Amino acid sequence: MKASRDFQLQIEGYGLTTAEIHYWMPDHPSLLQQFIWQAYDVAPGFPTLQHFLDHWRREIEGVLHSVRIAHKRLIGPAEWRAIDGVIRIN
């Protein structure tokens, strides 16, 4: 059984990135619209998000106002402690 692409990305150090994108409506320039984007990406450079925003600037008429980013690595090193001693339960 092959692992999913999302799982493979997480093992490679990618974390879940959520971007809250505010942009000006093309037909109503006084209205600010919100778009939520989510993908696996690598902090702090966020190459996947940068690629998406470059596409937005080239292909979408809505002018970007602001982008707010949240990022969390979902898989990290296991946390463990060595225990000195033995506990017996009879």
C-alpha atoms as a PDB file:
ATOM      1  CA  MET A   1       0.000   0.000   0.000  1.00  0.00           C
ATOM      2  CA  LYS A   2       1.433   3.361  -1.021  1.00  0.00           C
ATOM      3  CA  ALA A   3       1.306   6.337   1.352  1.00  0.00           C
ATOM      4  CA  SER A   4      -0.734   9.338   0.267  1.00  0.00           C
ATOM      5  CA  ARG A   5       1.018  12.347  -1.295  1.00  0.00           C
ATOM      6  CA  ASP A   6      -0.060  14.522   1.665  1.00  0.00           C
ATOM      7  CA  PHE A   7       1.543  12.104   4.131  1.00  0.00           C
ATOM      8  CA  GLN A   8       4.751  11.983   2.085  1.00  0.00           C
ATOM      9  CA  LEU A   9       4.926  15.795   2.105  1.00  0.00           C
ATOM     10  CA  GLN A  10       4.507  15.857   5.881  1.00  0.00           C
ATOM     11  CA  ILE A  11       7.336  13.347   6.331  1.00  0.00           C
ATOM     12  CA  GLU A  12       9.517  15.588   4.126  1.00  0.00           C
ATOM     13  CA  GLY A  13       8.951  18.536   6.494  1.00  0.00           C
ATOM     14  CA  TYR A  14       5.936  20.219   4.936  1.00  0.00           C
ATOM     15  CA  GLY A  15       3.279  21.637   7.236  1.00  0.00           C
ATOM     16  CA  LEU A  16      -0.310  22.677   6.691  1.00  0.00           C
ATOM     17  CA  THR A  17      -0.435  26.294   5.538  1.00  0.00           C
ATOM     18  CA  THR A  18      -3.606  28.351   5.532  1.00  0.00           C
ATOM     19  CA  ALA A  19      -3.633  31.750   3.844  1.00  0.00           C
ATOM     20  CA  GLU A  20      -6.374  34.311   4.353  1.00  0.00           C
ATOM     21  CA  ILE A  21      -6.231  36.401   1.193  1.00  0.00           C
ATOM     22  CA  HIS A  22      -8.004  39.748   0.960  1.00  0.00           C
ATOM     23  CA  TYR A  23      -8.415  41.290  -2.462  1.00  0.00           C
ATOM     24  CA  TRP A  24     -10.296  44.129  -4.131  1.00  0.00           C
ATOM     25  CA  MET A  25     -13.306  43.074  -6.219  1.00  0.00           C
ATOM     26  CA  PRO A  26     -12.580  43.849  -9.912  1.00  0.00           C
ATOM     27  CA  ASP A  27     -16.119  45.079 -10.678  1.00  0.00           C
ATOM     28  CA  HIS A  28     -16.546  46.895  -7.344  1.00  0.00           C
ATOM     29  CA  PRO A  29     -13.143  48.338  -6.368  1.00  0.00           C
ATOM     30  CA  SER A  30     -14.448  49.681  -3.059  1.00  0.00           C
ATOM     31  CA  LEU A  31     -15.373  46.155  -1.846  1.00  0.00           C
ATOM     32  CA  LEU A  32     -12.844  43.903  -0.172  1.00  0.00           C
ATOM     33  CA  GLN A  33     -13.347  40.149  -0.662  1.00  0.00           C
ATOM     34  CA  GLN A  34     -11.823  37.258   1.303  1.00  0.00           C
ATOM     35  CA  PHE A  35     -10.477  33.955  -0.066  1.00  0.00           C
ATOM     36  CA  ILE A  36      -9.129  31.086   2.053  1.00  0.00           C
ATOM     37  CA  TRP A  37      -6.370  28.934   0.517  1.00  0.00           C
ATOM     38  CA  GLN A  38      -4.878  25.830   2.126  1.00  0.00           C
ATOM     39  CA  ALA A  39      -2.054  23.488   1.082  1.00  0.00           C
ATOM     40  CA  TYR A  40       1.048  21.758   2.420  1.00  0.00           C
ATOM     41  CA  ASP A  41       4.046  24.083   2.297  1.00  0.00           C
ATOM     42  CA  VAL A  42       7.451  24.727   3.890  1.00  0.00           C
ATOM     43  CA  ALA A  43       7.985  27.650   6.257  1.00  0.00           C
ATOM     44  CA  PRO A  44       9.430  30.261   6.250  1.00  0.00           C
ATOM     45  CA  GLY A  45       9.777  30.648   2.472  1.00  0.00           C
ATOM     46  CA  PHE A  46       6.352  29.185   1.547  1.00  0.00           C
ATOM     47  CA  PRO A  47       7.275  28.305  -2.072  1.00  0.00           C
ATOM     48  CA  THR A  48       3.877  26.715  -2.800  1.00  0.00           C
ATOM     49  CA  LEU A  49       2.017  29.802  -1.560  1.00  0.00           C
ATOM     50  CA  GLN A  50       4.396  32.089  -3.475  1.00  0.00           C
ATOM     51  CA  HIS A  51       3.704  30.102  -6.644  1.00  0.00           C
ATOM     52  CA  PHE A  52      -0.056  30.457  -6.070  1.00  0.00           C
ATOM     53  CA  LEU A  53       0.219  34.209  -5.413  1.00  0.00           C
ATOM     54  CA  ASP A  54       2.347  34.671  -8.549  1.00  0.00           C
ATOM     55  CA  HIS A  55      -0.396  32.892 -10.517  1.00  0.00           C
ATOM     56  CA  TRP A  56      -3.000  35.138  -8.854  1.00  0.00           C
ATOM     57  CA  ARG A  57      -1.128  38.306  -9.833  1.00  0.00           C
ATOM     58  CA  ARG A  58      -0.778  37.131 -13.466  1.00  0.00           C
ATOM     59  CA  GLU A  59      -4.180  35.537 -14.094  1.00  0.00           C
ATOM     60  CA  ILE A  60      -6.771  36.967 -11.681  1.00  0.00           C
ATOM     61  CA  GLU A  61      -8.154  40.476 -11.954  1.00  0.00           C
ATOM     62  CA  GLY A  62      -8.667  40.983  -8.209  1.00  0.00           C
ATOM     63  CA  VAL A  63      -5.841  43.131  -6.818  1.00  0.00           C
ATOM     64  CA  LEU A  64      -4.335  41.687  -3.648  1.00  0.00           C
ATOM     65  CA  HIS A  65      -4.826  43.751  -0.503  1.00  0.00           C
ATOM     66  CA  SER A  66      -3.261  41.508   2.149  1.00  0.00           C
ATOM     67  CA  VAL A  67      -2.333  37.915   2.951  1.00  0.00           C
ATOM     68  CA  ARG A  68      -2.327  36.474   6.460  1.00  0.00           C
ATOM     69  CA  ILE A  69      -0.616  33.093   6.949  1.00  0.00           C
ATOM     70  CA  ALA A  70      -1.011  30.341   9.547  1.00  0.00           C
ATOM     71  CA  HIS A  71       1.326  27.340   9.438  1.00  0.00           C
ATOM     72  CA  LYS A  72       1.596  24.161  11.512  1.00  0.00           C
ATOM     73  CA  ARG A  73       3.768  21.085  11.069  1.00  0.00           C
ATOM     74  CA  LEU A  74       1.483  18.158  11.763  1.00  0.00           C
ATOM     75  CA  ILE A  75       4.181  15.503  12.065  1.00  0.00           C
ATOM     76  CA  GLY A  76       7.246  16.148  14.184  1.00  0.00           C
ATOM     77  CA  PRO A  77       9.756  14.285  16.291  1.00  0.00           C
ATOM     78  CA  ALA A  78       8.220  12.040  18.921  1.00  0.00           C
ATOM     79  CA  GLU A  79       8.465  13.322  22.453  1.00  0.00           C
ATOM     80  CA  TRP A  80       9.712  10.758  24.935  1.00  0.00           C
ATOM     81  CA  ARG A  81      11.510  10.529  28.267  1.00  0.00           C
ATOM     82  CA  ALA A  82      13.804   7.845  29.566  1.00  0.00           C
ATOM     83  CA  ILE A  83      12.580   6.411  32.866  1.00  0.00           C
ATOM     84  CA  ASP A  84      15.156   5.350  35.401  1.00  0.00           C
ATOM     85  CA  GLY A  85      13.711   2.460  37.362  1.00  0.00           C
ATOM     86  CA  VAL A  86      11.094  -0.254  37.238  1.00  0.00           C
ATOM     87  CA  ILE A  87       7.561  -0.082  38.518  1.00  0.00           C
ATOM     88  CA  ARG A  88       6.096  -3.429  39.546  1.00  0.00           C
ATOM     89  CA  ILE A  89       2.392  -3.976  39.783  1.00  0.00           C
ATOM     90  CA  ASN A  90       1.309  -7.177  41.564  1.00  0.00           C
END
